[in-house]
C-alpha atoms as a PDB file:
ATOM      1  CA  MET A   1     226.042 231.809  36.462  1.00  0.00           C
ATOM      2  CA  GLU A   2     230.090 231.294  36.691  1.00  0.00           C
ATOM      3  CA  ILE A   3     230.950 229.365  40.138  1.00  0.00           C
ATOM      4  CA  GLU A   4     234.672 230.475  41.166  1.00  0.00           C
ATOM      5  CA  PRO A   5     236.668 227.974  41.879  1.00  0.00           C
ATOM      6  CA  GLY A   6     237.429 228.629  45.968  1.00  0.00           C
ATOM      7  CA  ALA A   7     233.649 227.978  46.225  1.00  0.00           C
ATOM      8  CA  TRP A   8     233.516 224.343  44.931  1.00  0.00           C
ATOM      9  CA  ILE A   9     236.702 223.951  47.404  1.00  0.00           C
ATOM     10  CA  ARG A  10     235.012 225.558  50.767  1.00  0.00           C
ATOM     11  CA  ALA A  11     231.954 223.788  49.338  1.00  0.00           C
ATOM     12  CA  ALA A  12     233.978 220.111  49.212  1.00  0.00           C
ATOM     13  CA  LEU A  13     235.927 220.682  52.665  1.00  0.00           C
ATOM     14  CA  LEU A  14     232.397 221.034  53.903  1.00  0.00           C
ATOM     15  CA  ALA A  15     230.554 218.670  52.859  1.00  0.00           C
ATOM     16  CA  SER A  16     233.804 216.277  54.193  1.00  0.00           C
ATOM     17  CA  THR A  17     233.090 217.949  57.364  1.00  0.00           C
ATOM     18  CA  ALA A  18     229.885 217.053  57.338  1.00  0.00           C
ATOM     19  CA  GLY A  19     230.883 213.004  56.271  1.00  0.00           C
ATOM     20  CA  VAL A  20     233.013 213.477  59.586  1.00  0.00           C
ATOM     21  CA  MET A  21     230.120 214.854  61.704  1.00  0.00           C
ATOM     22  CA  LEU A  22     227.924 212.287  60.770  1.00  0.00           C
ATOM     23  CA  TRP A  23     230.931 209.566  61.469  1.00  0.00           C
ATOM     24  CA  VAL A  24     231.284 210.975  65.099  1.00  0.00           C
ATOM     25  CA  ASP A  25     227.402 211.147  65.807  1.00  0.00           C
ATOM     26  CA  ARG A  26     227.472 207.264  65.056  1.00  0.00           C
ATOM     27  CA  CYS A  27     230.624 206.554  67.403  1.00  0.00           C
ATOM     28  CA  TRP A  28     230.345 209.365  69.995  1.00  0.00           C
ATOM     29  CA  ASP A  29     227.886 211.638  70.135  1.00  0.00           C
ATOM     30  CA  LEU A  30     224.833 209.789  70.623  1.00  0.00           C
ATOM     31  CA  PRO A  31     226.732 207.034  72.490  1.00  0.00           C
ATOM     32  CA  GLU A  32     228.837 208.833  74.705  1.00  0.00           C
ATOM     33  CA  GLY A  33     227.348 212.312  74.314  1.00  0.00           C
ATOM     34  CA  ARG A  34     230.727 214.167  73.135  1.00  0.00           C
ATOM     35  CA  ILE A  35     232.648 215.561  70.237  1.00  0.00           C
ATOM     36  CA  PRO A  36     236.499 213.989  70.790  1.00  0.00           C
ATOM     37  CA  ARG A  37     239.548 216.824  70.453  1.00  0.00           C
ATOM     38  CA  LEU A  38     240.785 214.298  68.278  1.00  0.00           C
ATOM     39  CA  VAL A  39     237.970 215.434  65.705  1.00  0.00           C
ATOM     40  CA  ALA A  40     237.276 219.100  67.002  1.00  0.00           C
ATOM     41  CA  ILE A  41     240.440 220.566  67.182  1.00  0.00           C
ATOM     42  CA  PRO A  42     241.398 219.525  63.401  1.00  0.00           C
ATOM     43  CA  LEU A  43     238.287 220.829  62.613  1.00  0.00           C
ATOM     44  CA  MET A  44     238.800 224.091  63.886  1.00  0.00           C
ATOM     45  CA  GLY A  45     242.303 224.385  62.835  1.00  0.00           C
ATOM     46  CA  MET A  46     241.403 223.370  58.974  1.00  0.00           C
ATOM     47  CA  GLY A  47     238.991 225.995  59.242  1.00  0.00           C
ATOM     48  CA  LEU A  48     240.850 228.747  60.400  1.00  0.00           C
ATOM     49  CA  GLY A  49     243.665 227.482  57.554  1.00  0.00           C
ATOM     50  CA  CYS A  50     240.646 227.446  55.105  1.00  0.00           C
ATOM     51  CA  ALA A  51     239.940 231.460  55.984  1.00  0.00           C
ATOM     52  CA  ILE A  52     243.191 232.202  56.092  1.00  0.00           C
ATOM     53  CA  ALA A  53     243.664 230.747  52.361  1.00  0.00           C
ATOM     54  CA  PHE A  54     240.482 232.224  51.112  1.00  0.00           C
ATOM     55  CA  ARG A  55     241.198 235.052  52.851  1.00  0.00           C
ATOM     56  CA  ASP A  56     238.014 235.608  54.245  1.00  0.00           C
ATOM     57  CA  LEU A  57     238.314 236.635  58.160  1.00  0.00           C
ATOM     58  CA  SER A  58     234.131 236.819  58.041  1.00  0.00           C
ATOM     59  CA  GLY A  59     232.915 233.715  59.855  1.00  0.00           C
ATOM     60  CA  LEU A  60     235.660 234.456  62.728  1.00  0.00           C
ATOM     61  CA  ILE A  61     232.910 237.091  63.932  1.00  0.00           C
ATOM     62  CA  LEU A  62     231.230 234.504  65.389  1.00  0.00           C
ATOM     63  CA  TRP A  63     233.867 232.746  67.073  1.00  0.00           C
ATOM     64  CA  PRO A  64     232.921 234.679  70.430  1.00  0.00           C
ATOM     65  CA  ALA A  65     229.145 234.071  70.408  1.00  0.00           C
ATOM     66  CA  PHE A  66     229.931 229.981  69.826  1.00  0.00           C
ATOM     67  CA  TYR A  67     232.426 230.379  72.884  1.00  0.00           C
ATOM     68  CA  ARG A  68     229.592 232.204  74.910  1.00  0.00           C
ATOM     69  CA  GLY A  69     226.928 229.733  73.599  1.00  0.00           C
ATOM     70  CA  TRP A  70     229.431 226.957  75.210  1.00  0.00           C
ATOM     71  CA  LYS A  71     230.177 228.506  78.532  1.00  0.00           C
ATOM     72  CA  ALA A  72     225.849 229.108  79.079  1.00  0.00           C
ATOM     73  CA  GLY A  73     225.499 225.457  78.595  1.00  0.00           C
ATOM     74  CA  GLY A  74     223.769 225.885  75.671  1.00  0.00           C
ATOM     75  CA  GLY A  75     226.413 222.780  73.916  1.00  0.00           C
ATOM     76  CA  GLY A  76     229.631 220.552  74.660  1.00  0.00           C
ATOM     77  CA  GLY A  77     233.061 222.088  74.050  1.00  0.00           C
ATOM     78  CA  GLY A  78     233.283 219.804  70.998  1.00  0.00           C
ATOM     79  CA  ASP A  79     230.713 221.047  69.469  1.00  0.00           C
ATOM     80  CA  ALA A  80     231.775 224.636  69.863  1.00  0.00           C
ATOM     81  CA  LYS A  81     234.618 224.253  68.390  1.00  0.00           C
ATOM     82  CA  ALA A  82     233.288 221.982  65.460  1.00  0.00           C
ATOM     83  CA  TRP A  83     230.489 225.531  65.069  1.00  0.00           C
ATOM     84  CA  MET A  84     233.781 227.531  64.644  1.00  0.00           C
ATOM     85  CA  GLY A  85     235.851 225.668  62.112  1.00  0.00           C
ATOM     86  CA  ILE A  86     232.422 225.474  59.954  1.00  0.00           C
ATOM     87  CA  SER A  87     232.209 229.143  60.399  1.00  0.00           C
ATOM     88  CA  ALA A  88     235.766 229.701  59.789  1.00  0.00           C
ATOM     89  CA  MET A  89     235.376 227.499  56.418  1.00  0.00           C
ATOM     90  CA  ALA A  90     232.353 229.255  55.296  1.00  0.00           C
ATOM     91  CA  GLY A  91     232.444 232.563  55.927  1.00  0.00           C
ATOM     92  CA  ILE A  92     229.942 234.778  57.259  1.00  0.00           C
ATOM     93  CA  LEU A  93     227.110 234.324  54.462  1.00  0.00           C
ATOM     94  CA  GLY A  94     227.312 230.146  54.800  1.00  0.00           C
ATOM     95  CA  ALA A  95     227.637 230.141  58.646  1.00  0.00           C
ATOM     96  CA  ALA A  96     224.706 232.204  59.136  1.00  0.00           C
ATOM     97  CA  ALA A  97     222.841 229.478  56.514  1.00  0.00           C
ATOM     98  CA  GLY A  98     224.358 226.938  58.334  1.00  0.00           C
ATOM     99  CA  LEU A  99     223.951 227.961  62.065  1.00  0.00           C
ATOM    100  CA  LEU A 100     220.207 228.238  60.609  1.00  0.00           C
ATOM    101  CA  ALA A 101     220.385 224.464  59.649  1.00  0.00           C
ATOM    102  CA  LEU A 102     222.229 223.700  63.258  1.00  0.00           C
ATOM    103  CA  VAL A 103     219.214 225.262  65.216  1.00  0.00           C
ATOM    104  CA  VAL A 104     216.142 223.803  63.138  1.00  0.00           C
ATOM    105  CA  LEU A 105     218.061 220.359  63.487  1.00  0.00           C
ATOM    106  CA  ALA A 106     218.731 220.469  67.149  1.00  0.00           C
ATOM    107  CA  ARG A 107     215.320 221.345  67.404  1.00  0.00           C
ATOM    108  CA  ALA A 108     213.784 218.722  65.840  1.00  0.00           C
ATOM    109  CA  ARG A 109     216.637 216.032  67.134  1.00  0.00           C
ATOM    110  CA  LEU A 110     215.303 217.263  70.638  1.00  0.00           C
ATOM    111  CA  TRP A 111     211.550 216.043  69.335  1.00  0.00           C
ATOM    112  CA  TRP A 112     212.739 213.313  68.358  1.00  0.00           C
ATOM    113  CA  MET A 113     214.038 212.223  72.098  1.00  0.00           C
ATOM    114  CA  GLY A 114     210.430 212.856  73.233  1.00  0.00           C
ATOM    115  CA  TYR A 115     210.434 216.339  74.564  1.00  0.00           C
ATOM    116  CA  GLY A 116     208.389 218.002  71.708  1.00  0.00           C
ATOM    117  CA  TRP A 117     208.818 221.250  70.151  1.00  0.00           C
ATOM    118  CA  VAL A 118     210.742 223.116  72.475  1.00  0.00           C
ATOM    119  CA  PHE A 119     211.019 227.145  71.952  1.00  0.00           C
ATOM    120  CA  GLY A 120     213.500 229.324  74.094  1.00  0.00           C
ATOM    121  CA  LEU A 121     217.264 229.007  74.840  1.00  0.00           C
ATOM    122  CA  ARG A 122     217.652 226.721  77.959  1.00  0.00           C
ATOM    123  CA  PRO A 123     216.194 222.807  76.173  1.00  0.00           C
ATOM    124  CA  PRO A 124     215.441 220.770  79.133  1.00  0.00           C
ATOM    125  CA  ALA A 125     217.651 218.178  77.545  1.00  0.00           C
ATOM    126  CA  ARG A 126     221.097 218.689  75.770  1.00  0.00           C
ATOM    127  CA  PRO A 127     220.950 216.697  72.827  1.00  0.00           C
ATOM    128  CA  PRO A 128     223.654 214.795  70.634  1.00  0.00           C
ATOM    129  CA  MET A 129     224.501 218.308  68.597  1.00  0.00           C
ATOM    130  CA  ALA A 130     227.144 215.815  65.833  1.00  0.00           C
ATOM    131  CA  LEU A 131     223.921 215.660  63.619  1.00  0.00           C
ATOM    132  CA  PRO A 132     222.906 218.915  63.358  1.00  0.00           C
ATOM    133  CA  THR A 133     226.366 220.449  63.126  1.00  0.00           C
ATOM    134  CA  ALA A 134     226.683 218.099  60.071  1.00  0.00           C
ATOM    135  CA  GLY A 135     223.580 219.796  58.601  1.00  0.00           C
ATOM    136  CA  MET A 136     225.199 222.856  59.721  1.00  0.00           C
ATOM    137  CA  ALA A 137     228.015 222.243  57.392  1.00  0.00           C
ATOM    138  CA  LEU A 138     225.912 221.175  54.306  1.00  0.00           C
ATOM    139  CA  GLY A 139     223.925 224.362  54.192  1.00  0.00           C
ATOM    140  CA  ALA A 140     227.245 226.254  54.846  1.00  0.00           C
ATOM    141  CA  ALA A 141     228.478 224.055  51.237  1.00  0.00           C
ATOM    142  CA  LEU A 142     224.978 224.795  49.647  1.00  0.00           C
ATOM    143  CA  ILE A 143     225.184 228.760  50.198  1.00  0.00           C
ATOM    144  CA  CYS A 144     229.068 228.740  48.908  1.00  0.00           C
ATOM    145  CA  ILE A 145     227.926 227.119  45.890  1.00  0.00           C
ATOM    146  CA  LEU A 146     225.154 229.434  45.266  1.00  0.00           C
ATOM    147  CA  SER A 147     225.726 232.586  46.694  1.00  0.00           C
ATOM    148  CA  PRO A 148     227.286 235.160  43.970  1.00  0.00           C
END
């Protein structure tokens, strides 16, 4: 199985995004409960630029869902912008796999926070989402490498 060079570039960008989100988790999201615009807006722009450069705008399909999720209280504005950037960077297949990782890791973080396993759309608390977002980026990177 031969992997095209664009897939490696996407995977490297997504893996570096995961590293940035781990840093954001430790510096801002855990202590203050926010992802600053200083990080979220460039990430969103980088995702959009990557989508245009690779001529794959399929990841933009999820942008309205992330926006609606933020407006409904499912995450913060910085979280939504980071998810938009990752989905644009990864394309629809990578974004779908990353979204699955995001949901599982967010629920695991709620469990770690002492709420147990929570089911449903409205969790009892807002967990810091930067670490699950890093998992989203890594899941998307893995799919970028493994998918034909």
